[in-house]
C-alpha cells in the first residue's frame, strides 16, 4: 500500500507522531494527510490548504497537528475532528519549518521572511509569544531541545542560533562557515545538536559551547 502515499505533485514535508503510529504529510497538491504508519492507510485525508504545504508537525499528545504553507499561514488542526482550530498569520514569507515543543503546546516556525516565531497555541489570541530576529536568510530548520527550554534554528545564512524559549533571547550563534543549514536534530539528552547542510555533510555540535565535535561525510565518520 506504499503507493497510496505518493502525493500528486510530490510531498514536501513529513512528521511522525510521538507514539510512531501516525505519519503526517504535506505536499504540492495543497493537501495534508494523516496515515497509519503500519498499514499506510489514510486516517484523515485530503485536508485542503490555500497553497503548497511546506512544513508539518504533530504535538506530543497526538491531539493536534500544524501545517505551514507558502501562503505564509500556519494552521493548527484538531486531529479527531480533522478541522483547523487556529490560523496563525504573522509571517510575511512562506513557512519553511515547524516544530512542536516536547513539553508544552508551543509551536516554533521558521520562514522565508528570515524570522523565527514562537507561538503558545493554548492562548485564545493568535499573536506570537516571540519573534526571533537575527538570521539574514530563510530559516529552513527549527527544533526544540528535549527539555523544551531551548530552540535551535538553522538558516541559509550559514548559521545556527540557540534561543531561550522562556524569554526569546539569543543564547548562542554557531558559525557553519560555507554550509547553508537545511535540517537540525537534538540528541535525546539535549547535549548534542546535529545539522544537515547543502555541503552534504552532517555536523555534530556542542550547541552551548558552539564547538564542532565531529562531522559525517559520505558515510565516513570524521573525528
Protein backbone atom coordinates (compact mmCIF):
# COMPACT_ATOMS: atom_id res chain seq x y z
CA UNK A 1 0.00 0.00 0.00
CA UNK A 2 3.00 2.28 -0.03
CA UNK A 3 1.91 3.52 -3.47
CA UNK A 4 -1.10 5.14 -1.78
CA UNK A 5 1.29 7.50 -0.01
CA UNK A 6 2.56 9.03 -3.27
CA UNK A 7 1.11 12.59 -3.35
CA UNK A 8 0.01 14.11 -6.61
CA UNK A 9 2.74 16.67 -7.26
CA UNK A 10 5.03 15.33 -4.54
CA UNK A 11 5.33 15.58 -0.75
CA UNK A 12 7.30 18.45 0.76
CA UNK A 13 7.15 17.65 4.48
CA UNK A 14 6.77 14.60 6.74
CA UNK A 15 6.31 14.22 10.51
CA UNK A 16 5.88 11.12 12.70
CA UNK A 17 3.77 11.10 15.85
CA UNK A 18 5.41 10.60 19.24
CA UNK A 19 3.99 7.06 19.52
CA UNK A 20 5.09 6.21 16.00
CA UNK A 21 1.58 5.25 14.87
CA UNK A 22 0.81 8.21 12.60
CA UNK A 23 2.60 9.86 9.70
CA UNK A 24 1.66 13.37 8.62
CA UNK A 25 2.49 14.56 5.12
CA UNK A 26 2.03 17.80 3.22
CA UNK A 27 2.64 18.48 -0.41
CA UNK A 28 2.48 20.48 -3.60
CA UNK A 29 -1.13 19.41 -4.08
CA UNK A 30 -2.03 21.84 -1.26
CA UNK A 31 -3.23 19.00 0.98
CA UNK A 32 -2.18 17.39 4.24
CA UNK A 33 -2.82 13.74 5.03
CA UNK A 34 -2.60 11.58 8.15
CA UNK A 35 -1.60 7.94 7.61
CA UNK A 36 -1.45 4.78 9.68
CA UNK A 37 2.29 4.08 9.82
CA UNK A 38 1.82 0.29 9.90
CA UNK A 39 -0.74 -0.16 7.13
CA UNK A 40 -0.15 3.05 5.12
CA UNK A 41 -3.92 3.62 5.10
CA UNK A 42 -5.20 7.17 5.29
CA UNK A 43 -6.51 8.12 8.72
CA UNK A 44 -7.53 11.60 7.66
CA UNK A 45 -7.20 12.58 4.06
CA UNK A 46 -7.13 15.49 1.75
CA UNK A 47 -7.42 18.49 4.07
CA UNK A 48 -7.25 21.38 1.62
CA UNK A 49 -5.00 24.42 2.03
CA UNK A 50 -4.66 27.60 0.02
CA UNK A 51 -1.16 26.88 -1.27
CA UNK A 52 1.67 24.36 -1.17
CA UNK A 53 2.20 22.72 2.23
CA UNK A 54 5.88 23.14 3.09
CA UNK A 55 6.14 22.17 6.80
CA UNK A 56 4.23 19.87 9.18
CA UNK A 57 4.43 18.89 12.86
CA UNK A 58 2.43 16.77 15.36
CA UNK A 59 2.10 17.68 19.05
CA UNK A 60 3.25 15.28 21.76
CA UNK A 61 -0.19 14.00 22.83
CA UNK A 62 -1.31 13.46 19.23
CA UNK A 63 -4.30 15.77 19.64
CA UNK A 64 -3.20 18.45 17.19
CA UNK A 65 -1.01 18.89 14.18
CA UNK A 66 0.25 22.01 12.45
CA UNK A 67 0.87 22.79 8.81
CA UNK A 68 2.81 25.63 7.23
CA UNK A 69 2.25 26.86 3.70
CA UNK A 70 3.69 29.13 1.08
CA UNK A 71 0.64 31.33 1.74
CA UNK A 72 2.55 32.44 4.90
CA UNK A 73 -0.03 30.87 7.24
CA UNK A 74 0.21 28.18 9.92
CA UNK A 75 -2.90 26.08 10.52
CA UNK A 76 -3.38 24.20 13.79
CA UNK A 77 -5.60 21.18 13.19
CA UNK A 78 -7.68 19.07 15.56
CA UNK A 79 -6.77 15.50 14.62
CA UNK A 80 -10.04 13.94 15.82
CA UNK A 81 -12.22 16.48 14.03
CA UNK A 82 -9.96 16.93 11.04
CA UNK A 83 -10.60 20.66 11.09
CA UNK A 84 -8.48 23.79 11.68
CA UNK A 85 -8.88 25.28 15.15
CA UNK A 86 -6.49 28.20 14.69
CA UNK A 87 -4.78 30.04 11.86
CA UNK A 88 -1.56 31.90 12.66
CA UNK A 89 -0.67 34.53 10.10
CA UNK A 90 2.04 36.94 11.31
CA UNK A 91 4.81 35.76 8.97
CA UNK A 92 5.47 37.82 5.86
CA UNK A 93 7.14 35.00 3.94
CA UNK A 94 6.45 31.36 3.18
CA UNK A 95 6.64 28.95 6.13
CA UNK A 96 9.80 26.86 5.81
CA UNK A 97 9.86 24.84 9.05
CA UNK A 98 7.68 23.90 12.02
CA UNK A 99 8.16 22.04 15.28
CA UNK A 100 6.15 21.38 18.46
CA UNK A 101 7.69 21.79 21.90
CA UNK A 102 8.01 18.34 23.57
CA UNK A 103 6.80 19.67 26.94
CA UNK A 104 4.22 22.33 26.10
CA UNK A 105 1.97 23.10 23.13
CA UNK A 106 4.30 25.84 21.91
CA UNK A 107 4.98 25.85 18.17
CA UNK A 108 8.11 27.29 16.60
CA UNK A 109 8.05 28.36 12.97
CA UNK A 110 10.81 29.37 10.58
CA UNK A 111 10.09 31.41 7.49
CA UNK A 112 11.41 32.87 4.26
CA UNK A 113 10.99 36.25 5.98
CA UNK A 114 14.22 35.32 7.89
CA UNK A 115 12.46 35.21 11.29
CA UNK A 116 11.52 32.56 13.82
CA UNK A 117 8.31 32.83 15.80
CA UNK A 118 7.26 31.02 18.97
CA UNK A 119 3.51 30.57 19.48
CA UNK A 120 1.56 29.46 22.56
CA UNK A 121 -1.35 27.59 20.98
CA UNK A 122 -3.21 27.37 24.31
CA UNK A 123 -3.84 31.11 24.26
CA UNK A 124 -7.05 32.36 22.66
CA UNK A 125 -5.28 35.18 20.84
CA UNK A 126 -3.48 34.41 17.61
CA UNK A 127 -0.36 36.50 18.14
CA UNK A 128 3.09 35.01 18.65
CA UNK A 129 4.83 34.97 22.01
CA UNK A 130 8.15 35.97 20.48
CA UNK A 131 9.55 36.98 17.11
CA UNK A 132 13.20 35.96 16.96
CA UNK A 133 15.27 38.12 14.63
CA UNK A 134 18.90 37.68 13.67
CA UNK A 135 19.05 35.38 10.67
CA UNK A 136 19.90 37.06 7.37
CA UNK A 137 18.29 34.46 5.09
CA UNK A 138 15.46 31.93 5.10
CA UNK A 139 15.11 29.78 8.23
CA UNK A 140 14.99 26.20 6.94
CA UNK A 141 15.01 24.27 10.25
CA UNK A 142 13.74 24.69 13.81
CA UNK A 143 13.90 22.19 16.68
CA UNK A 144 13.27 22.35 20.44
CA UNK A 145 15.64 20.74 22.90
CA UNK A 146 14.21 17.64 24.65
CA UNK A 147 13.56 19.60 27.87
CA UNK A 148 11.65 22.22 25.87
CA UNK A 149 13.76 25.08 27.23
CA UNK A 150 15.85 25.90 24.18
CA UNK A 151 15.20 26.26 20.47
CA UNK A 152 17.70 25.83 17.66
CA UNK A 153 17.15 27.47 14.28
CA UNK A 154 19.14 26.87 11.12
CA UNK A 155 19.28 29.16 8.12
CA UNK A 156 20.57 29.52 4.59
CA UNK A 157 22.76 32.29 6.05
CA UNK A 158 25.17 29.51 7.17
CA UNK A 159 24.37 29.86 10.86
CA UNK A 160 22.57 28.09 13.68
CA UNK A 161 21.13 30.11 16.54
CA UNK A 162 20.22 28.86 20.01
CA UNK A 163 17.34 30.69 21.72
CA UNK A 164 15.91 30.72 25.25
CA UNK A 165 12.27 29.69 24.86
CA UNK A 166 11.04 31.41 28.04
CA UNK A 167 12.45 34.83 27.16
CA UNK A 168 13.05 34.74 23.40
CA UNK A 169 16.66 35.84 23.89
CA UNK A 170 19.61 34.64 21.80
CA UNK A 171 21.97 32.36 23.74
CA UNK A 172 24.49 31.41 21.07
CA UNK A 173 25.26 31.57 17.35
CA UNK A 174 27.05 28.67 15.65
CA UNK A 175 29.03 29.60 12.56
CA UNK A 176 28.67 26.88 9.92
CA UNK A 177 31.17 28.51 7.57
CA UNK A 178 30.05 27.97 3.98
CA UNK A 179 27.33 25.47 4.91
CA UNK A 180 23.71 26.55 4.42
CA UNK A 181 21.72 24.77 7.15
CA UNK A 182 18.73 22.73 5.99
CA UNK A 183 17.96 20.39 8.93
CA UNK A 184 18.54 20.07 12.69
CA UNK A 185 18.11 17.43 15.40
CA UNK A 186 18.95 17.31 19.11
CA UNK A 187 20.25 14.19 20.81
CA UNK A 188 17.85 12.61 23.31
CA UNK A 189 19.79 14.06 26.26
CA UNK A 190 19.94 17.53 24.66
CA UNK A 191 23.73 17.72 24.86
CA UNK A 192 24.41 17.48 21.15
CA UNK A 193 22.95 19.06 18.03
CA UNK A 194 23.22 17.59 14.54
CA UNK A 195 22.90 19.80 11.48
CA UNK A 196 22.48 18.90 7.83
CA UNK A 197 23.58 21.29 5.15
CA UNK A 198 23.91 21.92 1.43
CA UNK A 199 27.54 20.78 1.70
CA UNK A 200 26.36 17.17 2.01
CA UNK A 201 27.88 16.86 5.48
CA UNK A 202 26.25 16.29 8.86
CA UNK A 203 27.92 18.25 11.65
CA UNK A 204 27.71 17.34 15.34
CA UNK A 205 27.86 20.35 17.68
CA UNK A 206 28.05 21.20 21.32
CA UNK A 207 25.33 23.83 20.86
CA UNK A 208 26.07 25.74 24.04
CA UNK A 209 29.84 25.89 23.70
CA UNK A 210 29.43 26.50 19.96
CA UNK A 211 32.09 23.93 19.04
CA UNK A 212 32.10 21.28 16.31
CA UNK A 213 32.63 17.82 17.78
CA UNK A 214 32.66 15.77 14.58
CA UNK A 215 31.42 15.52 11.00
CA UNK A 216 29.78 12.82 8.98
CA UNK A 217 30.62 12.84 5.31
CA UNK A 218 29.93 10.30 2.55
CA UNK A 219 29.29 7.56 5.07
CA UNK A 220 32.57 8.21 6.88
CA UNK A 221 32.77 9.39 10.48
CA UNK A 222 35.48 12.02 10.83
CA UNK A 223 36.93 12.99 14.22
